[in-house]
Amino acid sequence: MSFLLPALFLLAACSTTEDAKPAPRWQPTPGLAWQWQLTGKTIDTSVDVPVYDIDGFDQPKSTVTALHRKGRKVICYLSTGAWEDWRPDAKKFPKSVIGRSNGWDGEYWLDIRETDVLEPLMAARIDMCKDKGFDAVEPDNMDGYKNRTGFPLKAADQLRYNRLIAKLSHERGMAVGLKNDLDQIPDLVDDFDFAVNEQCAQYGECEANTPFIEADKAVFHVEYELPTSKFCAQSRKLKLSSMEKKYELGAWRRAC
């Protein structure tokens, strides 16, 4: 009988593993305060907010762990629609998928139609986010079809690609946010767990985020050129998570 006991324990352990359900992914709700810091040698972890959005490549797992110890959720910033010439995986992108500059130094639009090329590259990046313990992904440059990318991108191409990025994130147990891409929010709100928006108040577009709020999903919003006195009243009415930041996205913030 003695040799059966370990076997029984092993079977029980296997059954528990097989029956265990994966933990539900994080779902940020409207009004959550947040911090967005993509530059600076170190992340200022002292800002008393429940959500941080930081660079997935630049920040180590230890930073994510430190924020988790403070009870914070952490979003992994990645550029999924543009090539950045300084990233460690930059040489893996063939020249054929690299288009025009998106206006930022060293950044160029990607041909998002080429999913056979881009999917494994983006999956590897999202794997990195998961391995570092991030709770969610913020994929940037998700509206190439509305810009001069050097490629004849259509709205259908963008929808297909954005849904692919959402799927890759969800498969790894992480939430994912829709970055800008306001015109496609009605089509994509069910595919994404939250939104990230820049300058909707400056351009009179904040109400376009309403489908996310109505779905009980957070809209993390920043303005760069307007003071808080110019947009916070509307943000509170719309239930946006709003703050003023500087373009370099350092630690400085002024929240509503």
Protein backbone atom coordinates (compact mmCIF):
# COMPACT_ATOMS: atom_id res chain seq x y z
CA MET A 1 0.00 0.00 0.00
CA SER A 2 2.82 2.42 0.71
CA PHE A 3 3.68 2.88 -2.96
CA LEU A 4 0.03 3.77 -3.80
CA LEU A 5 -0.18 6.77 -1.50
CA PRO A 6 2.14 9.06 -3.50
CA ALA A 7 0.33 7.99 -6.65
CA LEU A 8 -3.01 9.00 -5.15
CA PHE A 9 -1.63 12.38 -4.16
CA LEU A 10 -0.26 12.82 -7.68
CA LEU A 11 -3.66 12.05 -9.23
CA ALA A 12 -5.34 14.49 -6.88
CA ALA A 13 -2.83 17.19 -7.76
CA CYS A 14 -3.35 16.64 -11.47
CA SER A 15 -7.12 16.81 -11.07
CA THR A 16 -6.86 20.08 -9.20
CA THR A 17 -4.65 21.57 -11.91
CA GLU A 18 -6.93 20.42 -14.70
CA ASP A 19 -10.07 21.69 -12.97
CA ALA A 20 -8.57 25.02 -11.96
CA LYS A 21 -9.93 28.00 -13.89
CA PRO A 22 -7.59 30.79 -14.93
CA ALA A 23 -7.96 33.96 -12.92
CA PRO A 24 -10.18 36.52 -14.66
CA ARG A 25 -8.24 39.29 -16.32
CA TRP A 26 -8.26 42.75 -14.81
CA GLN A 27 -11.13 45.02 -15.85
CA PRO A 28 -10.51 48.70 -15.00
CA THR A 29 -13.72 50.64 -14.38
CA PRO A 30 -14.51 54.30 -15.14
CA GLY A 31 -12.98 56.95 -12.95
CA LEU A 32 -9.84 55.11 -11.81
CA ALA A 33 -6.93 57.48 -11.23
CA TRP A 34 -3.72 56.64 -13.06
CA GLN A 35 -0.12 57.59 -13.70
CA TRP A 36 1.53 57.43 -17.12
CA GLN A 37 5.33 57.56 -17.05
CA LEU A 38 7.29 56.45 -20.10
CA THR A 39 10.54 58.38 -19.59
CA GLY A 40 13.06 58.91 -16.82
CA LYS A 41 15.74 56.63 -15.42
CA THR A 42 13.45 55.33 -12.72
CA ILE A 43 9.71 55.19 -12.19
CA ASP A 44 8.38 57.37 -9.40
CA THR A 45 6.38 54.76 -7.52
CA SER A 46 5.24 57.22 -4.86
CA VAL A 47 2.28 58.61 -6.82
CA ASP A 48 -0.78 57.44 -4.88
CA VAL A 49 -2.94 56.05 -7.68
CA PRO A 50 -4.24 52.52 -8.34
CA VAL A 51 -2.99 52.27 -11.95
CA TYR A 52 0.44 52.81 -13.55
CA ASP A 53 1.21 52.73 -17.27
CA ILE A 54 4.94 52.25 -17.96
CA ASP A 55 7.24 51.20 -20.81
CA GLY A 56 7.31 47.43 -21.32
CA PHE A 57 10.84 47.30 -22.70
CA ASP A 58 12.52 49.85 -20.45
CA GLN A 59 11.15 48.72 -17.11
CA PRO A 60 12.29 45.47 -15.45
CA LYS A 61 10.14 42.93 -13.71
CA SER A 62 11.30 44.34 -10.38
CA THR A 63 9.52 47.63 -11.08
CA VAL A 64 6.27 45.83 -11.83
CA THR A 65 6.70 43.76 -8.65
CA ALA A 66 7.36 46.88 -6.57
CA LEU A 67 4.18 48.50 -7.88
CA HIS A 68 2.20 45.34 -7.21
CA ARG A 69 3.44 45.35 -3.63
CA LYS A 70 1.88 48.79 -3.29
CA GLY A 71 -1.43 47.37 -4.52
CA ARG A 72 -1.25 48.88 -7.99
CA LYS A 73 -2.18 47.48 -11.37
CA VAL A 74 0.44 47.96 -14.07
CA ILE A 75 -0.06 48.50 -17.80
CA CYS A 76 2.66 47.58 -20.31
CA TYR A 77 3.21 50.25 -22.97
CA LEU A 78 4.18 48.85 -26.39
CA SER A 79 4.20 50.31 -29.87
CA THR A 80 2.35 47.79 -32.00
CA GLY A 81 1.59 49.95 -35.03
CA ALA A 82 4.97 51.62 -35.50
CA TRP A 83 8.59 50.47 -35.72
CA GLU A 84 11.02 52.05 -33.24
CA ASP A 85 14.65 51.93 -34.36
CA TRP A 86 16.10 51.70 -30.83
CA ARG A 87 14.19 48.69 -29.53
CA PRO A 88 16.17 45.47 -28.95
CA ASP A 89 14.06 43.59 -31.50
CA ALA A 90 14.24 46.31 -34.19
CA LYS A 91 16.40 44.22 -36.55
CA LYS A 92 13.78 41.48 -36.66
CA PHE A 93 11.42 43.71 -38.67
CA PRO A 94 11.95 43.42 -42.45
CA LYS A 95 12.28 46.72 -44.33
CA SER A 96 9.23 45.81 -46.40
CA VAL A 97 6.89 46.46 -43.45
CA ILE A 98 8.46 49.78 -42.39
CA GLY A 99 6.85 52.90 -43.81
CA ARG A 100 6.81 56.65 -43.26
CA SER A 101 7.77 58.45 -40.06
CA ASN A 102 4.91 58.94 -37.62
CA GLY A 103 6.36 62.28 -36.54
CA TRP A 104 8.44 61.04 -33.60
CA ASP A 105 12.20 60.54 -33.85
CA GLY A 106 13.09 57.00 -34.83
CA GLU A 107 9.47 55.87 -35.26
CA TYR A 108 7.93 54.66 -38.52
CA TRP A 109 4.51 53.26 -39.34
CA LEU A 110 4.17 49.54 -39.90
CA ASP A 111 2.30 47.80 -42.70
CA ILE A 112 -0.32 46.23 -40.47
CA ARG A 113 -1.70 44.21 -43.39
CA GLU A 114 1.35 41.95 -43.08
CA THR A 115 0.10 39.97 -40.11
CA ASP A 116 2.12 36.88 -41.07
CA VAL A 117 5.23 38.96 -40.36
CA LEU A 118 3.96 41.06 -37.48
CA GLU A 119 1.97 38.57 -35.42
CA PRO A 120 4.95 36.55 -34.12
CA LEU A 121 6.88 39.75 -33.41
CA MET A 122 4.00 41.26 -31.45
CA ALA A 123 3.29 37.97 -29.69
CA ALA A 124 6.90 37.95 -28.46
CA ARG A 125 6.52 41.50 -27.14
CA ILE A 126 3.30 40.67 -25.35
CA ASP A 127 4.97 37.55 -23.93
CA MET A 128 7.59 39.88 -22.49
CA CYS A 129 4.85 41.89 -20.77
CA LYS A 130 3.37 38.72 -19.32
CA ASP A 131 6.76 37.43 -18.14
CA LYS A 132 7.37 40.70 -16.30
CA GLY A 133 4.02 40.39 -14.52
CA PHE A 134 2.08 43.20 -16.18
CA ASP A 135 -1.70 43.23 -15.78
CA ALA A 136 -2.51 44.82 -19.12
CA VAL A 137 -1.13 46.07 -22.42
CA GLU A 138 -1.33 49.55 -23.93
CA PRO A 139 -0.66 49.06 -27.66
CA ASP A 140 0.24 52.36 -29.31
CA ASN A 141 -0.14 53.65 -32.88
CA MET A 142 -3.38 51.77 -33.44
CA ASP A 143 -4.85 54.20 -35.99
CA GLY A 144 -2.41 54.04 -38.90
CA TYR A 145 -5.21 53.87 -41.45
CA LYS A 146 -6.06 57.49 -40.63
CA ASN A 147 -2.47 58.63 -41.25
CA ARG A 148 0.06 58.86 -44.07
CA THR A 149 1.85 55.60 -43.39
CA GLY A 150 3.30 54.88 -46.83
CA PHE A 151 0.86 51.99 -47.20
CA PRO A 152 -2.72 51.94 -48.58
CA LEU A 153 -4.27 50.95 -45.27
CA LYS A 154 -8.04 50.68 -45.01
CA ALA A 155 -10.38 50.77 -42.02
CA ALA A 156 -10.90 47.02 -42.37
CA ASP A 157 -7.13 46.46 -42.14
CA GLN A 158 -7.03 48.42 -38.88
CA LEU A 159 -9.97 46.56 -37.37
CA ARG A 160 -8.38 43.21 -38.22
CA TYR A 161 -5.02 44.19 -36.78
CA ASN A 162 -6.40 45.79 -33.62
CA ARG A 163 -8.47 42.70 -32.91
CA LEU A 164 -5.38 40.56 -33.42
CA ILE A 165 -3.49 42.57 -30.77
CA ALA A 166 -6.45 42.26 -28.40
CA LYS A 167 -6.60 38.51 -28.99
CA LEU A 168 -2.87 38.06 -28.33
CA SER A 169 -3.19 39.97 -25.05
CA HIS A 170 -6.27 38.10 -23.90
CA GLU A 171 -4.73 34.74 -24.70
CA ARG A 172 -2.01 35.63 -22.20
CA GLY A 173 -4.47 36.61 -19.50
CA MET A 174 -3.92 40.36 -19.76
CA ALA A 175 -6.34 43.20 -20.32
CA VAL A 176 -5.73 45.44 -23.34
CA GLY A 177 -6.58 49.05 -24.13
CA LEU A 178 -7.63 50.72 -27.37
CA LYS A 179 -5.33 53.67 -28.00
CA ASN A 180 -7.07 56.64 -29.62
CA ASP A 181 -8.70 55.28 -32.87
CA LEU A 182 -11.91 57.08 -31.94
CA ASP A 183 -13.80 56.40 -35.16
CA GLN A 184 -13.60 52.63 -34.62
CA ILE A 185 -14.63 52.59 -30.96
CA PRO A 186 -18.19 51.37 -31.74
CA ASP A 187 -16.72 48.40 -33.60
CA LEU A 188 -13.97 47.62 -31.09
CA VAL A 189 -15.39 48.37 -27.65
CA ASP A 190 -16.31 44.71 -27.12
CA ASP A 191 -12.78 43.57 -28.06
CA PHE A 192 -10.94 45.85 -25.62
CA ASP A 193 -11.03 46.22 -21.83
CA PHE A 194 -10.36 49.96 -21.58
CA ALA A 195 -9.33 52.94 -23.71
CA VAL A 196 -6.36 55.28 -23.65
CA ASN A 197 -6.88 58.69 -25.21
CA GLU A 198 -4.71 61.70 -25.92
CA GLN A 199 -6.09 65.21 -26.36
CA CYS A 200 -9.75 64.46 -26.94
CA ALA A 201 -10.66 67.67 -25.07
CA GLN A 202 -8.39 69.81 -27.22
CA TYR A 203 -10.05 68.50 -30.36
CA GLY A 204 -13.61 68.30 -29.02
CA GLU A 205 -13.75 64.49 -29.28
CA CYS A 206 -14.15 63.22 -25.71
CA GLU A 207 -17.77 62.14 -26.09
CA ALA A 208 -16.61 59.61 -28.69
CA ASN A 209 -15.25 57.56 -25.76
CA THR A 210 -18.74 57.13 -24.29
CA PRO A 211 -19.22 53.53 -25.51
CA PHE A 212 -16.40 52.44 -23.18
CA ILE A 213 -17.94 54.23 -20.21
CA GLU A 214 -21.36 52.77 -20.98
CA ALA A 215 -19.73 49.32 -21.02
CA ASP A 216 -18.29 50.06 -17.54
CA LYS A 217 -14.75 50.24 -18.95
CA ALA A 218 -12.20 52.91 -18.00
CA VAL A 219 -11.05 55.65 -20.34
CA PHE A 220 -7.55 56.81 -19.35
CA HIS A 221 -7.17 60.30 -20.80
CA VAL A 222 -4.43 62.94 -20.98
CA GLU A 223 -4.13 66.48 -22.28
CA TYR A 224 -0.81 68.12 -23.07
CA GLU A 225 -1.69 71.64 -24.17
CA LEU A 226 -4.78 72.42 -22.08
CA PRO A 227 -4.71 73.22 -18.35
CA THR A 228 -6.94 71.13 -16.11
CA SER A 229 -9.31 74.10 -15.75
CA LYS A 230 -10.20 73.68 -19.42
CA PHE A 231 -11.16 69.99 -19.40
CA CYS A 232 -11.68 68.55 -15.92
CA ALA A 233 -15.33 69.59 -15.61
CA GLN A 234 -16.21 67.76 -18.80
CA SER A 235 -14.04 64.79 -17.82
CA ARG A 236 -15.87 64.39 -14.52
CA LYS A 237 -19.22 64.57 -16.32
CA LEU A 238 -18.11 61.91 -18.83
CA LYS A 239 -16.44 59.78 -16.08
CA LEU A 240 -13.04 59.87 -17.79
CA SER A 241 -9.80 59.24 -15.86
CA SER A 242 -8.14 62.50 -16.85
CA MET A 243 -4.92 64.33 -16.14
CA GLU A 244 -2.57 66.89 -17.64
CA LYS A 245 0.87 65.66 -18.69
CA LYS A 246 3.89 66.99 -20.57
CA TYR A 247 4.71 65.52 -23.96
CA GLU A 248 7.78 63.69 -22.69
CA LEU A 249 5.56 61.69 -20.29
CA GLY A 250 7.86 61.89 -17.32
CA ALA A 251 6.72 61.64 -13.71
CA TRP A 252 5.02 65.07 -13.60
CA ARG A 253 1.23 65.01 -13.63
CA ARG A 254 -1.71 67.19 -12.69
CA ALA A 255 -4.88 65.16 -12.23
CA CYS A 256 -8.49 66.27 -12.32
